[in-house]
Amino acid sequence: MITPPSTHRIEADRLAEQLRDARQRSLALLEDLLEERPLGPSLTIVNPPLWELGHVGFFHDYFALRQLYDLPDYQIPGAAQLYDSSTIAHDDRWELPLPERADVYDYLERVQHAMLSRLPDSGLASEAQSYVYQLTGFHEDMHGEAFTYTRQTLGDPPPALGLPLTHSTRPPVSDMGTLEGDVNIPGGRHTLGSDESVPFRFDNEKPPMEVEVPPFAMARAPVTNTEFAEFVNDNGYDRRELWSEAGWRWCQQAQAEHPVYWRRGASGQWEERIFDRWQPLAPYQPVVHVNLYEAEAWCQWAGRRLPTEAEWELAASRAPTSDGQALAPGKRRYPWGDTSPDHRHANLDGWQLSRVDVAALPDGDSAFGCRQMLGNVWEWTSSVFGPFPGFAADLYRDYSEPWFAEGRHVLRGGAWATRTRLIHNGYRNFFTPERRDIIAGFRTCAR
């Protein structure tokens, strides 16, 4: 049986709804692909769709049914030999004797039914249920985002999601323009990470650590397509002096000349592929699908720098004193306060199916005036992903610990495909610096 980390108890019906919603999203993102090519191409940055969907079911099966409820058998024969990502090498996933699609669907349905039937009819779930069901549900949410950018990687059509907002209630987010300038942020002591006031914390967010952050100036918005195009047009990808040693080595090996989904159109203007369609480059949307090396090179060209993750979190979660000269006590869970995000604050949950202009959604500004620190695009930081002092792995031991020594960098803030229930100011994402497939851009600081 599980002794869960400290977490908030959740209403049983809310847990059930989260699990059902995550599953509906997974199937909506994959059903058409599973019909056309259940295994898909073998690439280092994608998984076979049929395998990945089965893996999602196995994660619930292993951590909820086996670990929490001590059920002796998996809900499908040989599930661990088919779907355990900790033991099955990535390249081997195309060679496994995977069940047919209908059998995978049946597996997922049986696992979810077993989980839902064990929740109380009403009231709060147990502390262990609250923790494990959120863990497995958030894991499925993360794979849902990966399913989304895999469709972009492979040039598939946009997913047919049941969008949560009707057309009439969506905010006017197109053609909102740019948002220029920096905000000055006083330095001071900051508690980096998530404390027990956060309803659910992943192990790499804790224990929170005290850091001293010098004063800095941060851009109000992420770097836009127009700003990045100026770098490309100035031969930024050909200028060795703008790149780190590792970045230049990657640039040469990848033969990179511009962001991965850009091309010159017939008129000579830049175009961008969004899923399976080429469109004129939207000038004031944040640049996306750029890796850490590209972000660093742009900063070198522009005389800027990437923020550390402590600077990023401080700008998102703190507020100034009345005279603006120091940091007021306390932290916000979200840039605008402690109320959960909705469509006024952030471009999340996939309802837009793409980015919005960087000037959109002013209701989501941080206390310092930084916009879109949650949603739209993940933002690279200069910080290498590592443990906070006192780190201890939680139930899912492979979530963080195996990746600390890989040279991954921290990203913050979520993207348009990130689920609202997952993201908050303390959430840490982490990828290797060459990855261009993830929905990532960047925000800068003055040197």
Protein backbone atom coordinates (compact mmCIF):
# COMPACT_ATOMS: atom_id res chain seq x y z
CA MET A 1 0.00 0.00 0.00
CA ILE A 2 1.04 3.58 -0.69
CA THR A 3 2.00 6.22 1.82
CA PRO A 4 1.46 9.29 -0.38
CA PRO A 5 3.43 12.53 -0.20
CA SER A 6 1.53 15.33 1.47
CA THR A 7 -1.24 16.40 -0.90
CA HIS A 8 -4.66 17.97 -0.73
CA ARG A 9 -7.66 15.65 -0.63
CA ILE A 10 -9.89 16.05 -3.68
CA GLU A 11 -13.61 15.53 -4.19
CA ALA A 12 -14.22 12.09 -5.66
CA ASP A 13 -16.42 13.38 -8.46
CA ARG A 14 -13.74 15.90 -9.45
CA LEU A 15 -11.11 13.15 -9.66
CA ALA A 16 -13.46 11.04 -11.76
CA GLU A 17 -14.13 13.94 -14.13
CA GLN A 18 -10.42 14.63 -14.55
CA LEU A 19 -9.74 11.01 -15.46
CA ARG A 20 -12.61 10.89 -17.95
CA ASP A 21 -11.61 14.21 -19.48
CA ALA A 22 -7.96 13.19 -19.90
CA ARG A 23 -9.06 9.97 -21.61
CA GLN A 24 -11.46 11.77 -23.93
CA ARG A 25 -8.62 14.09 -24.92
CA SER A 26 -6.18 11.22 -25.53
CA LEU A 27 -8.60 9.41 -27.82
CA ALA A 28 -9.51 12.58 -29.71
CA LEU A 29 -5.82 13.22 -30.36
CA LEU A 30 -5.03 9.69 -31.56
CA GLU A 31 -8.07 7.96 -33.03
CA ASP A 32 -7.57 9.07 -36.63
CA LEU A 33 -3.83 8.31 -36.49
CA LEU A 34 -4.43 4.84 -35.07
CA GLU A 35 -6.68 4.06 -38.02
CA GLU A 36 -4.14 5.23 -40.61
CA ARG A 37 -0.78 4.22 -39.10
CA PRO A 38 -0.90 2.69 -35.62
CA LEU A 39 2.90 2.51 -35.34
CA GLY A 40 3.94 5.57 -37.34
CA PRO A 41 7.52 6.34 -38.36
CA SER A 42 10.41 5.35 -36.10
CA LEU A 43 11.90 8.64 -34.89
CA THR A 44 13.89 9.45 -31.77
CA ILE A 45 11.44 12.20 -30.74
CA VAL A 46 8.15 10.29 -31.13
CA ASN A 47 6.62 7.05 -29.91
CA PRO A 48 4.42 4.61 -31.85
CA PRO A 49 0.86 5.90 -31.23
CA LEU A 50 -0.50 2.43 -30.47
CA TRP A 51 2.29 1.81 -27.97
CA GLU A 52 1.98 5.22 -26.33
CA LEU A 53 -1.75 4.87 -25.78
CA GLY A 54 -1.22 1.46 -24.19
CA HIS A 55 1.54 2.94 -22.03
CA VAL A 56 -0.92 5.55 -20.71
CA GLY A 57 -3.26 2.76 -19.64
CA PHE A 58 -0.39 0.81 -18.09
CA PHE A 59 0.64 3.80 -15.98
CA HIS A 60 -2.84 3.92 -14.41
CA ASP A 61 -2.82 0.13 -14.09
CA TYR A 62 0.56 -0.01 -12.36
CA PHE A 63 0.33 2.92 -9.97
CA ALA A 64 -3.38 2.79 -9.11
CA LEU A 65 -4.51 -0.81 -9.41
CA ARG A 66 -1.29 -2.56 -8.40
CA GLN A 67 0.46 -0.04 -6.14
CA LEU A 68 -2.56 1.58 -4.48
CA TYR A 69 -5.04 -1.31 -4.39
CA ASP A 70 -2.56 -4.20 -4.43
CA LEU A 71 -4.37 -6.03 -7.23
CA PRO A 72 -2.18 -8.99 -8.14
CA ASP A 73 -2.49 -9.00 -11.94
CA TYR A 74 -2.38 -6.40 -14.69
CA GLN A 75 -5.54 -5.84 -16.69
CA ILE A 76 -3.88 -7.18 -19.84
CA PRO A 77 -1.47 -10.15 -20.08
CA GLY A 78 2.17 -9.16 -20.15
CA ALA A 79 1.43 -5.45 -19.74
CA ALA A 80 4.79 -4.62 -18.14
CA GLN A 81 6.69 -6.34 -20.97
CA LEU A 82 4.72 -4.28 -23.49
CA TYR A 83 4.32 -0.84 -21.96
CA ASP A 84 6.77 -0.12 -19.13
CA SER A 85 8.79 2.85 -20.43
CA SER A 86 11.36 2.40 -17.67
CA THR A 87 12.49 -0.96 -19.04
CA ILE A 88 11.60 -0.93 -22.76
CA ALA A 89 14.15 0.90 -24.91
CA HIS A 90 12.69 3.55 -27.19
CA ASP A 91 13.73 1.91 -30.45
CA ASP A 92 12.29 -1.44 -29.36
CA ARG A 93 8.76 -0.07 -29.07
CA TRP A 94 8.12 -0.54 -32.80
CA GLU A 95 9.07 -4.24 -32.60
CA LEU A 96 6.81 -5.36 -29.75
CA PRO A 97 3.88 -7.78 -30.28
CA LEU A 98 1.35 -5.08 -29.42
CA PRO A 99 -2.35 -5.88 -29.06
CA GLU A 100 -4.75 -4.62 -31.71
CA ARG A 101 -6.32 -1.20 -31.34
CA ALA A 102 -9.67 -2.57 -30.11
CA ASP A 103 -7.88 -4.57 -27.41
CA VAL A 104 -5.93 -1.50 -26.28
CA TYR A 105 -9.17 0.48 -26.05
CA ASP A 106 -10.70 -2.34 -23.99
CA TYR A 107 -7.63 -2.34 -21.70
CA LEU A 108 -7.91 1.38 -21.07
CA GLU A 109 -11.63 1.10 -20.40
CA ARG A 110 -11.23 -1.76 -17.93
CA VAL A 111 -8.46 0.02 -16.03
CA GLN A 112 -10.43 3.24 -15.79
CA HIS A 113 -13.60 1.43 -14.72
CA ALA A 114 -11.66 -0.34 -11.96
CA MET A 115 -10.29 2.99 -10.75
CA LEU A 116 -13.61 4.85 -10.86
CA SER A 117 -15.52 2.04 -9.15
CA ARG A 118 -13.20 2.31 -6.13
CA LEU A 119 -13.87 5.99 -5.50
CA PRO A 120 -16.43 6.91 -2.84
CA ASP A 121 -19.88 7.78 -4.16
CA SER A 122 -19.53 11.33 -2.86
CA GLY A 123 -17.32 13.53 -0.72
CA LEU A 124 -13.56 13.56 -0.50
CA ALA A 125 -11.41 10.79 -1.87
CA SER A 126 -8.79 9.40 0.48
CA GLU A 127 -5.41 11.09 0.61
CA ALA A 128 -3.84 8.17 -1.25
CA GLN A 129 -6.53 8.19 -3.94
CA SER A 130 -6.22 11.97 -4.31
CA TYR A 131 -2.48 11.68 -4.85
CA VAL A 132 -2.37 8.62 -7.12
CA TYR A 133 -5.34 9.57 -9.29
CA GLN A 134 -3.92 13.03 -9.86
CA LEU A 135 -0.47 11.59 -10.59
CA THR A 136 -1.79 9.18 -13.21
CA GLY A 137 -4.21 11.74 -14.63
CA PHE A 138 -1.51 14.40 -14.97
CA HIS A 139 0.75 11.81 -16.60
CA GLU A 140 -1.97 11.28 -19.21
CA ASP A 141 -2.29 15.05 -19.63
CA MET A 142 1.45 15.26 -20.36
CA HIS A 143 1.14 12.56 -22.97
CA GLY A 144 -1.83 14.44 -24.41
CA GLU A 145 0.46 17.42 -25.01
CA ALA A 146 3.05 15.09 -26.53
CA PHE A 147 0.36 13.61 -28.82
CA THR A 148 -0.38 17.18 -29.93
CA TYR A 149 3.14 18.19 -30.84
CA THR A 150 3.76 14.78 -32.41
CA ARG A 151 0.98 15.65 -34.87
CA GLN A 152 2.89 18.84 -35.63
CA THR A 153 6.17 16.92 -36.02
CA LEU A 154 4.63 14.51 -38.53
CA GLY A 155 2.57 17.10 -40.41
CA ASP A 156 -0.77 15.57 -39.49
CA PRO A 157 -4.05 17.53 -39.63
CA PRO A 158 -5.14 19.48 -36.53
CA PRO A 159 -6.80 17.26 -33.94
CA ALA A 160 -10.58 17.21 -33.72
CA LEU A 161 -10.89 18.22 -30.08
CA GLY A 162 -14.19 18.94 -28.37
CA LEU A 163 -13.16 22.50 -27.61
CA PRO A 164 -14.41 23.71 -24.22
CA LEU A 165 -15.40 27.19 -25.39
CA THR A 166 -17.97 28.07 -28.02
CA HIS A 167 -17.03 30.58 -30.71
CA SER A 168 -19.21 33.26 -29.16
CA THR A 169 -17.48 33.07 -25.78
CA ARG A 170 -13.89 33.06 -26.96
CA PRO A 171 -11.99 36.27 -26.29
CA PRO A 172 -10.89 38.35 -29.28
CA VAL A 173 -7.36 37.04 -29.44
CA SER A 174 -6.35 37.44 -33.09
CA ASP A 175 -4.37 40.43 -34.36
CA MET A 176 -3.73 41.82 -30.90
CA GLY A 177 -0.24 43.00 -31.83
CA THR A 178 3.03 43.17 -30.01
CA LEU A 179 4.02 44.13 -26.48
CA GLU A 180 7.41 45.77 -26.22
CA GLY A 181 9.70 46.82 -23.41
CA ASP A 182 11.05 45.52 -20.13
CA VAL A 183 9.81 45.67 -16.58
CA ASN A 184 12.22 46.33 -13.74
CA ILE A 185 12.05 43.75 -10.98
CA PRO A 186 13.67 44.34 -7.60
CA GLY A 187 15.86 41.61 -6.26
CA GLY A 188 15.61 39.89 -2.92
CA ARG A 189 15.09 36.57 -1.22
CA HIS A 190 12.83 34.18 -3.06
CA THR A 191 11.54 30.72 -2.19
CA LEU A 192 12.03 28.70 -5.35
CA GLY A 193 9.69 25.74 -5.74
CA SER A 194 6.33 24.70 -4.34
CA ASP A 195 5.31 24.48 -0.70
CA GLU A 196 2.40 22.59 0.87
CA SER A 197 -0.11 25.28 -0.12
CA VAL A 198 0.10 23.94 -3.69
CA PRO A 199 -2.53 21.18 -4.04
CA PHE A 200 -0.28 18.80 -6.00
CA ARG A 201 3.51 19.01 -6.21
CA PHE A 202 5.84 16.92 -8.31
CA ASP A 203 8.98 15.75 -6.58
CA ASN A 204 11.32 18.11 -8.46
CA GLU A 205 9.41 21.14 -7.11
CA LYS A 206 10.34 20.34 -3.51
CA PRO A 207 11.53 20.96 -0.97
CA PRO A 208 11.37 24.67 -1.79
CA MET A 209 14.73 26.40 -1.49
CA GLU A 210 15.71 29.94 -0.54
CA VAL A 211 17.65 31.84 -3.20
CA GLU A 212 18.92 35.39 -3.48
CA VAL A 213 18.00 37.02 -6.78
CA PRO A 214 19.69 40.31 -7.82
CA PRO A 215 17.53 43.02 -9.45
CA PHE A 216 16.87 42.41 -13.15
CA ALA A 217 14.85 43.65 -16.11
CA MET A 218 12.65 41.18 -18.00
CA ALA A 219 10.75 41.50 -21.27
CA ARG A 220 7.02 41.96 -20.90
CA ALA A 221 6.42 39.35 -23.59
CA PRO A 222 8.13 36.44 -25.32
CA VAL A 223 10.18 36.98 -28.48
CA THR A 224 7.89 37.22 -31.52
CA ASN A 225 8.13 35.73 -35.00
CA THR A 226 9.02 39.17 -36.37
CA GLU A 227 11.85 39.62 -33.90
CA PHE A 228 13.23 36.17 -34.60
CA ALA A 229 12.91 36.66 -38.38
CA GLU A 230 15.19 39.70 -38.10
CA PHE A 231 17.86 37.43 -36.65
CA VAL A 232 17.36 34.86 -39.43
CA ASN A 233 17.43 37.56 -42.12
CA ASP A 234 20.69 38.88 -40.64
CA ASN A 235 22.31 35.48 -41.33
CA GLY A 236 22.09 34.52 -37.65
CA TYR A 237 22.36 30.81 -38.43
CA ASP A 238 25.62 31.36 -40.36
CA ARG A 239 27.45 33.46 -37.78
CA ARG A 240 29.66 31.32 -35.57
CA GLU A 241 30.25 34.15 -33.08
CA LEU A 242 26.58 34.11 -32.03
CA TRP A 243 26.52 30.47 -30.98
CA SER A 244 27.88 28.52 -28.05
CA GLU A 245 30.27 25.70 -28.87
CA ALA A 246 27.55 23.09 -28.35
CA GLY A 247 25.01 25.24 -30.17
CA TRP A 248 27.23 25.71 -33.22
CA ARG A 249 27.97 21.99 -33.33
CA TRP A 250 24.22 21.28 -33.30
CA CYS A 251 23.55 23.99 -35.92
CA GLN A 252 26.11 22.50 -38.30
CA GLN A 253 25.01 18.91 -37.77
CA ALA A 254 21.33 19.80 -38.21
CA GLN A 255 22.13 22.07 -41.18
CA ALA A 256 19.74 24.54 -39.56
CA GLU A 257 19.07 27.78 -41.43
CA HIS A 258 15.83 28.89 -39.74
CA PRO A 259 13.22 27.50 -37.31
CA VAL A 260 12.30 23.96 -38.20
CA TYR A 261 8.78 24.67 -39.49
CA TRP A 262 9.60 27.83 -41.49
CA ARG A 263 10.11 28.23 -45.24
CA ARG A 264 10.25 30.99 -47.82
CA GLY A 265 6.98 31.31 -49.70
CA ALA A 266 6.60 32.07 -53.42
CA SER A 267 6.60 35.79 -52.63
CA GLY A 268 9.81 35.50 -50.65
CA GLN A 269 8.05 36.03 -47.32
CA TRP A 270 8.36 33.60 -44.44
CA GLU A 271 5.70 30.95 -43.99
CA GLU A 272 5.14 28.54 -41.12
CA ARG A 273 3.69 25.04 -41.14
CA ILE A 274 0.99 24.63 -38.52
CA PHE A 275 0.07 20.94 -38.44
CA ASP A 276 -0.44 20.11 -42.15
CA ARG A 277 -0.96 23.64 -43.50
CA TRP A 278 1.50 26.31 -44.59
CA GLN A 279 0.45 29.80 -43.52
CA PRO A 280 2.00 33.28 -43.67
CA LEU A 281 4.13 33.87 -40.58
CA ALA A 282 1.99 35.59 -37.93
CA PRO A 283 4.16 38.60 -37.02
CA TYR A 284 3.23 39.03 -33.38
CA GLN A 285 2.79 35.48 -32.21
CA PRO A 286 5.67 34.15 -30.10
CA VAL A 287 8.26 32.22 -32.04
CA VAL A 288 7.87 28.52 -31.32
CA HIS A 289 9.61 25.21 -31.94
CA VAL A 290 13.01 26.74 -31.34
CA ASN A 291 15.52 24.98 -29.13
CA LEU A 292 17.75 26.28 -26.38
CA TYR A 293 20.68 26.80 -28.75
CA GLU A 294 18.56 28.92 -31.11
CA ALA A 295 17.25 30.97 -28.18
CA GLU A 296 20.78 31.55 -26.89
CA ALA A 297 22.03 32.60 -30.34
CA TRP A 298 19.17 35.08 -30.73
CA CYS A 299 20.01 36.54 -27.32
CA GLN A 300 23.68 36.92 -28.28
CA TRP A 301 22.63 38.68 -31.50
CA ALA A 302 20.20 40.97 -29.67
CA GLY A 303 22.41 41.73 -26.66
CA ARG A 304 20.00 39.98 -24.32
CA ARG A 305 20.05 36.83 -22.16
CA LEU A 306 17.73 34.08 -21.03
CA PRO A 307 16.36 34.31 -17.48
CA THR A 308 17.33 31.83 -14.82
CA GLU A 309 14.44 29.76 -13.54
CA ALA A 310 14.60 31.66 -10.25
CA GLU A 311 14.21 34.96 -12.11
CA TRP A 312 11.37 33.52 -14.17
CA GLU A 313 9.49 32.24 -11.12
CA LEU A 314 10.06 35.42 -9.16
CA ALA A 315 8.67 37.54 -12.04
CA ALA A 316 5.64 35.26 -12.30
CA SER A 317 4.83 34.75 -8.64
CA ARG A 318 5.90 37.81 -6.64
CA ALA A 319 4.61 41.37 -6.32
CA PRO A 320 6.41 44.63 -5.56
CA THR A 321 6.01 46.68 -2.42
CA SER A 322 3.98 49.87 -2.78
CA ASP A 323 7.08 51.90 -3.61
CA GLY A 324 8.26 49.31 -6.14
CA GLN A 325 11.68 49.07 -4.50
CA ALA A 326 11.42 45.62 -2.93
CA LEU A 327 9.49 42.37 -3.01
CA ALA A 328 6.26 42.12 -1.05
CA PRO A 329 5.95 38.96 1.08
CA GLY A 330 4.16 35.90 -0.24
CA LYS A 331 3.85 34.13 -3.58
CA ARG A 332 1.05 33.81 -6.08
CA ARG A 333 0.09 30.42 -7.48
CA TYR A 334 -0.55 32.02 -10.88
CA PRO A 335 0.83 35.30 -12.29
CA TRP A 336 -2.48 37.13 -11.72
CA GLY A 337 -3.21 35.68 -8.27
CA ASP A 338 -4.56 32.48 -6.76
CA THR A 339 -7.72 32.00 -8.84
CA SER A 340 -7.58 29.16 -11.36
CA PRO A 341 -6.91 30.10 -15.00
CA ASP A 342 -9.73 30.64 -17.44
CA HIS A 343 -9.86 31.89 -21.04
CA ARG A 344 -9.28 35.49 -19.91
CA HIS A 345 -5.91 34.71 -18.35
CA ALA A 346 -4.04 32.22 -20.49
CA ASN A 347 -4.04 30.30 -23.75
CA LEU A 348 -4.23 26.76 -22.35
CA ASP A 349 -6.16 23.52 -22.88
CA GLY A 350 -5.90 23.57 -26.68
CA TRP A 351 -9.07 25.58 -27.26
CA GLN A 352 -7.24 27.91 -29.69
CA LEU A 353 -5.29 25.04 -31.34
CA SER A 354 -2.37 27.44 -31.78
CA ARG A 355 -0.68 30.50 -30.33
CA VAL A 356 -2.16 33.95 -29.89
CA ASP A 357 -0.40 37.30 -30.28
CA VAL A 358 1.87 38.26 -27.40
CA ALA A 359 -0.27 41.31 -26.53
CA ALA A 360 -3.39 39.18 -25.98
CA LEU A 361 -4.83 38.23 -22.59
CA PRO A 362 -3.85 41.23 -20.42
CA ASP A 363 -5.92 39.83 -17.55
CA GLY A 364 -3.16 37.25 -17.13
CA ASP A 365 -0.39 39.77 -16.43
CA SER A 366 1.89 39.21 -13.48
CA ALA A 367 2.12 41.82 -10.73
CA PHE A 368 5.17 43.24 -12.54
CA GLY A 369 3.38 43.45 -15.90
CA CYS A 370 4.80 40.38 -17.65
CA ARG A 371 2.19 38.86 -19.97
CA GLN A 372 1.49 35.23 -20.90
CA MET A 373 3.84 33.72 -18.37
CA LEU A 374 1.43 30.80 -18.35
CA GLY A 375 0.22 29.29 -21.61
CA ASN A 376 0.88 30.02 -25.29
CA VAL A 377 4.50 28.69 -25.37
CA TRP A 378 6.84 27.06 -22.90
CA GLU A 379 9.78 29.35 -22.14
CA TRP A 380 13.39 28.17 -22.04
CA THR A 381 15.50 29.27 -19.09
CA SER A 382 19.28 29.25 -18.71
CA SER A 383 19.06 26.85 -15.75
CA VAL A 384 20.14 23.23 -15.99
CA PHE A 385 17.52 20.86 -14.60
CA GLY A 386 18.61 19.51 -11.24
CA PRO A 387 17.31 18.64 -7.78
CA PHE A 388 16.66 21.13 -5.02
CA PRO A 389 18.63 20.40 -1.82
CA GLY A 390 16.85 17.68 0.12
CA PHE A 391 15.22 16.18 -2.99
CA ALA A 392 13.56 12.79 -2.52
CA ALA A 393 11.90 10.87 -5.33
CA ASP A 394 8.17 10.34 -5.01
CA LEU A 395 6.13 7.28 -5.99
CA TYR A 396 6.96 7.66 -9.70
CA ARG A 397 10.71 7.40 -9.17
CA ASP A 398 11.59 7.82 -12.84
CA TYR A 399 9.78 11.15 -13.21
CA SER A 400 12.78 13.35 -12.33
CA GLU A 401 15.79 11.56 -10.89
CA PRO A 402 17.06 9.77 -14.03
CA TRP A 403 17.20 13.05 -15.95
CA PHE A 404 19.19 15.22 -13.54
CA ALA A 405 22.55 14.26 -15.07
CA GLU A 406 21.46 14.57 -18.71
CA GLY A 407 22.11 18.27 -19.21
CA ARG A 408 18.42 19.06 -19.65
CA HIS A 409 17.31 22.65 -19.21
CA VAL A 410 14.30 23.94 -17.32
CA LEU A 411 11.32 25.36 -19.18
CA ARG A 412 8.55 27.22 -17.41
CA GLY A 413 5.01 28.37 -17.98
CA GLY A 414 3.15 25.85 -20.14
CA ALA A 415 1.95 26.10 -23.74
CA TRP A 416 -1.34 26.34 -25.56
CA ALA A 417 -1.71 22.54 -25.41
CA THR A 418 -0.95 22.28 -21.65
CA ARG A 419 -3.88 21.46 -19.41
CA THR A 420 -5.04 24.15 -17.00
CA ARG A 421 -5.24 21.70 -14.11
CA LEU A 422 -1.55 20.83 -14.47
CA ILE A 423 0.16 24.21 -14.71
CA HIS A 424 1.10 26.76 -12.05
CA ASN A 425 4.02 29.08 -11.36
CA GLY A 426 6.11 26.38 -9.69
CA TYR A 427 5.78 23.68 -12.36
CA ARG A 428 9.10 22.65 -13.93
CA ASN A 429 9.39 21.16 -17.39
CA PHE A 430 12.73 19.88 -18.68
CA PHE A 431 14.13 18.91 -22.07
CA THR A 432 17.49 18.42 -23.72
CA PRO A 433 18.74 21.59 -25.44
CA GLU A 434 18.48 20.35 -29.04
CA ARG A 435 14.73 19.61 -28.93
CA ARG A 436 12.75 21.69 -31.45
CA ASP A 437 9.56 19.64 -31.53
CA ILE A 438 8.18 20.81 -28.18
CA ILE A 439 5.92 23.87 -28.04
CA ALA A 440 8.67 26.14 -26.75
CA GLY A 441 9.74 29.73 -27.26
CA PHE A 442 11.56 32.12 -24.94
CA ARG A 443 11.45 35.40 -23.05
CA THR A 444 14.57 37.45 -22.38
CA CYS A 445 16.21 39.66 -19.80
CA ALA A 446 18.44 42.68 -20.19
CA ARG A 447 22.14 41.97 -19.72
